[in-house]
C-alpha cells in the first residue's frame, strides 16, 4: 500500500468523525443524535426499519411481547408526543425476526421463545 493510500485510509474516518461529532461546552466531542423514547413497558428485543418510513418494534418480557408500528417522520416531528400507529400482542418473547418486502406488502417471520 502506498503512502497516499494509507493517508486516505486515515483521513477518511477523521473527516467523518468531524461531521458526526461537535464540541460541547466542556470541549469534548459528543455525537449529534436524535433520541426519542418509545416508552415501551418491556425490553425492546427486535427492531426493523421499513423503507425509511416505518419502524417495527418488538418489546418483550419473559411471557409475552408487544409488536408496535411507528411512523419515523412522526417520531422526528412529534418527539415525546408521538404514538404508535398500531400494535398487537404475542404469546411469547420475540427472540429474532426476518422482514421481506414483496411489492406493497411486508412479510415478516418472528421467532418466539417459550419458558
C-alpha atoms as a PDB file:
ATOM      1  CA  UNK A   1       0.000   0.000   0.000  1.00  0.00           C
ATOM      2  CA  UNK A   2       1.392   3.396  -0.961  1.00  0.00           C
ATOM      3  CA  UNK A   3       1.796   6.308   1.420  1.00  0.00           C
ATOM      4  CA  UNK A   4      -1.053   8.240  -0.204  1.00  0.00           C
ATOM      5  CA  UNK A   5      -3.391   5.242   0.145  1.00  0.00           C
ATOM      6  CA  UNK A   6      -2.556   4.927   3.848  1.00  0.00           C
ATOM      7  CA  UNK A   7      -3.093   8.681   4.245  1.00  0.00           C
ATOM      8  CA  UNK A   8      -6.561   8.405   2.645  1.00  0.00           C
ATOM      9  CA  UNK A   9      -7.457   5.474   4.918  1.00  0.00           C
ATOM     10  CA  UNK A  10      -6.546   7.552   7.968  1.00  0.00           C
ATOM     11  CA  UNK A  11      -8.070  10.862   6.831  1.00  0.00           C
ATOM     12  CA  UNK A  12     -11.437   9.472   5.752  1.00  0.00           C
ATOM     13  CA  UNK A  13     -12.582   8.362   9.240  1.00  0.00           C
ATOM     14  CA  UNK A  14     -11.220  11.592  10.732  1.00  0.00           C
ATOM     15  CA  UNK A  15     -13.281  13.681   8.316  1.00  0.00           C
ATOM     16  CA  UNK A  16     -16.316  11.526   9.006  1.00  0.00           C
ATOM     17  CA  UNK A  17     -15.846  11.968  12.767  1.00  0.00           C
ATOM     18  CA  UNK A  18     -15.680  15.756  12.339  1.00  0.00           C
ATOM     19  CA  UNK A  19     -19.037  15.767  10.560  1.00  0.00           C
ATOM     20  CA  UNK A  20     -20.708  13.448  13.084  1.00  0.00           C
ATOM     21  CA  UNK A  21     -19.341  14.987  16.271  1.00  0.00           C
ATOM     22  CA  UNK A  22     -19.140  18.531  17.633  1.00  0.00           C
ATOM     23  CA  UNK A  23     -17.500  20.118  20.668  1.00  0.00           C
ATOM     24  CA  UNK A  24     -19.781  20.621  23.659  1.00  0.00           C
ATOM     25  CA  UNK A  25     -19.370  23.362  26.288  1.00  0.00           C
ATOM     26  CA  UNK A  26     -16.670  21.312  28.049  1.00  0.00           C
ATOM     27  CA  UNK A  27     -14.645  20.986  24.848  1.00  0.00           C
ATOM     28  CA  UNK A  28     -15.422  17.291  24.481  1.00  0.00           C
ATOM     29  CA  UNK A  29     -16.720  15.615  21.345  1.00  0.00           C
ATOM     30  CA  UNK A  30     -20.319  14.464  21.650  1.00  0.00           C
ATOM     31  CA  UNK A  31     -22.438  12.880  18.922  1.00  0.00           C
ATOM     32  CA  UNK A  32     -25.222  14.888  17.345  1.00  0.00           C
ATOM     33  CA  UNK A  33     -28.023  12.352  17.515  1.00  0.00           C
ATOM     34  CA  UNK A  34     -31.743  12.460  17.911  1.00  0.00           C
ATOM     35  CA  UNK A  35     -33.098  10.308  20.693  1.00  0.00           C
ATOM     36  CA  UNK A  36     -36.825   9.697  21.028  1.00  0.00           C
ATOM     37  CA  UNK A  37     -38.120   7.414  23.779  1.00  0.00           C
ATOM     38  CA  UNK A  38     -40.682   4.862  22.643  1.00  0.00           C
ATOM     39  CA  UNK A  39     -41.995   4.301  26.192  1.00  0.00           C
ATOM     40  CA  UNK A  40     -42.226   0.542  25.941  1.00  0.00           C
ATOM     41  CA  UNK A  41     -43.279  -1.349  29.067  1.00  0.00           C
ATOM     42  CA  UNK A  42     -40.825  -4.184  28.340  1.00  0.00           C
ATOM     43  CA  UNK A  43     -37.342  -4.525  26.890  1.00  0.00           C
ATOM     44  CA  UNK A  44     -37.007  -3.885  23.157  1.00  0.00           C
ATOM     45  CA  UNK A  45     -35.925  -7.201  21.640  1.00  0.00           C
ATOM     46  CA  UNK A  46     -36.236  -6.598  17.868  1.00  0.00           C
ATOM     47  CA  UNK A  47     -36.394  -3.521  15.630  1.00  0.00           C
ATOM     48  CA  UNK A  48     -36.723  -3.164  11.852  1.00  0.00           C
ATOM     49  CA  UNK A  49     -36.789  -0.015   9.739  1.00  0.00           C
ATOM     50  CA  UNK A  50     -39.161  -0.348   6.799  1.00  0.00           C
ATOM     51  CA  UNK A  51     -38.379   1.795   3.735  1.00  0.00           C
ATOM     52  CA  UNK A  52     -37.107   4.604   5.986  1.00  0.00           C
ATOM     53  CA  UNK A  53     -40.692   5.497   6.928  1.00  0.00           C
ATOM     54  CA  UNK A  54     -41.923   2.892   9.385  1.00  0.00           C
ATOM     55  CA  UNK A  55     -40.345   1.319  12.435  1.00  0.00           C
ATOM     56  CA  UNK A  56     -41.470  -2.088  13.687  1.00  0.00           C
ATOM     57  CA  UNK A  57     -40.571  -2.647  17.347  1.00  0.00           C
ATOM     58  CA  UNK A  58     -40.968  -5.807  19.406  1.00  0.00           C
ATOM     59  CA  UNK A  59     -40.793  -5.353  23.157  1.00  0.00           C
ATOM     60  CA  UNK A  60     -40.866  -8.450  25.323  1.00  0.00           C
ATOM     61  CA  UNK A  61     -40.820  -9.764  28.839  1.00  0.00           C
ATOM     62  CA  UNK A  62     -40.451 -13.439  29.818  1.00  0.00           C
ATOM     63  CA  UNK A  63     -44.064 -14.299  28.934  1.00  0.00           C
ATOM     64  CA  UNK A  64     -45.358 -12.048  26.118  1.00  0.00           C
ATOM     65  CA  UNK A  65     -44.440  -9.449  23.508  1.00  0.00           C
ATOM     66  CA  UNK A  66     -45.916  -6.330  22.016  1.00  0.00           C
ATOM     67  CA  UNK A  67     -45.312  -5.641  18.322  1.00  0.00           C
ATOM     68  CA  UNK A  68     -45.702  -1.910  17.551  1.00  0.00           C
ATOM     69  CA  UNK A  69     -45.658   0.068  14.305  1.00  0.00           C
ATOM     70  CA  UNK A  70     -44.297   3.637  14.437  1.00  0.00           C
ATOM     71  CA  UNK A  71     -44.071   6.404  11.826  1.00  0.00           C
ATOM     72  CA  UNK A  72     -40.460   7.607  11.638  1.00  0.00           C
ATOM     73  CA  UNK A  73     -41.404  11.131  10.429  1.00  0.00           C
ATOM     74  CA  UNK A  74     -43.867  11.416  13.330  1.00  0.00           C
ATOM     75  CA  UNK A  75     -41.131  10.401  15.775  1.00  0.00           C
ATOM     76  CA  UNK A  76     -38.838  13.126  14.428  1.00  0.00           C
ATOM     77  CA  UNK A  77     -41.590  15.773  14.396  1.00  0.00           C
ATOM     78  CA  UNK A  78     -43.655  14.814  17.438  1.00  0.00           C
ATOM     79  CA  UNK A  79     -40.845  13.623  19.684  1.00  0.00           C
ATOM     80  CA  UNK A  80     -42.178  12.573  23.056  1.00  0.00           C
ATOM     81  CA  UNK A  81     -45.802  13.078  21.930  1.00  0.00           C
ATOM     82  CA  UNK A  82     -45.550  10.581  19.045  1.00  0.00           C
ATOM     83  CA  UNK A  83     -47.723   7.491  19.423  1.00  0.00           C
ATOM     84  CA  UNK A  84     -47.580   4.116  17.747  1.00  0.00           C
ATOM     85  CA  UNK A  85     -49.791   3.631  14.686  1.00  0.00           C
ATOM     86  CA  UNK A  86     -50.931   0.175  15.777  1.00  0.00           C
ATOM     87  CA  UNK A  87     -49.828  -2.711  17.955  1.00  0.00           C
ATOM     88  CA  UNK A  88     -50.553  -6.354  18.630  1.00  0.00           C
ATOM     89  CA  UNK A  89     -49.714  -8.800  21.376  1.00  0.00           C
ATOM     90  CA  UNK A  90     -47.858 -12.094  21.008  1.00  0.00           C
ATOM     91  CA  UNK A  91     -47.894 -15.087  23.395  1.00  0.00           C
ATOM     92  CA  UNK A  92     -44.129 -15.225  23.992  1.00  0.00           C
ATOM     93  CA  UNK A  93     -40.955 -13.159  23.928  1.00  0.00           C
ATOM     94  CA  UNK A  94     -39.616 -12.248  20.464  1.00  0.00           C
ATOM     95  CA  UNK A  95     -36.105 -13.605  20.023  1.00  0.00           C
ATOM     96  CA  UNK A  96     -35.401 -12.532  16.419  1.00  0.00           C
ATOM     97  CA  UNK A  97     -37.139 -11.871  13.138  1.00  0.00           C
ATOM     98  CA  UNK A  98     -36.829 -11.518   9.371  1.00  0.00           C
ATOM     99  CA  UNK A  99     -38.584  -8.956   7.181  1.00  0.00           C
ATOM    100  CA  UNK A 100     -39.198  -9.294   3.439  1.00  0.00           C
ATOM    101  CA  UNK A 101     -40.762  -6.668   1.163  1.00  0.00           C
ATOM    102  CA  UNK A 102     -42.983  -8.141  -1.544  1.00  0.00           C
ATOM    103  CA  UNK A 103     -44.379  -5.337  -3.699  1.00  0.00           C
ATOM    104  CA  UNK A 104     -46.579  -3.190  -1.452  1.00  0.00           C
ATOM    105  CA  UNK A 105     -46.623  -5.838   1.282  1.00  0.00           C
ATOM    106  CA  UNK A 106     -44.249  -6.500   4.141  1.00  0.00           C
ATOM    107  CA  UNK A 107     -43.996 -10.116   5.256  1.00  0.00           C
ATOM    108  CA  UNK A 108     -42.106 -10.946   8.402  1.00  0.00           C
ATOM    109  CA  UNK A 109     -41.430 -14.033  10.468  1.00  0.00           C
ATOM    110  CA  UNK A 110     -40.702 -13.814  14.167  1.00  0.00           C
ATOM    111  CA  UNK A 111     -39.089 -16.425  16.381  1.00  0.00           C
ATOM    112  CA  UNK A 112     -40.838 -16.577  19.761  1.00  0.00           C
ATOM    113  CA  UNK A 113     -39.290 -18.224  22.780  1.00  0.00           C
ATOM    114  CA  UNK A 114     -41.264 -20.029  25.435  1.00  0.00           C
ATOM    115  CA  UNK A 115     -40.347 -20.768  29.002  1.00  0.00           C
END
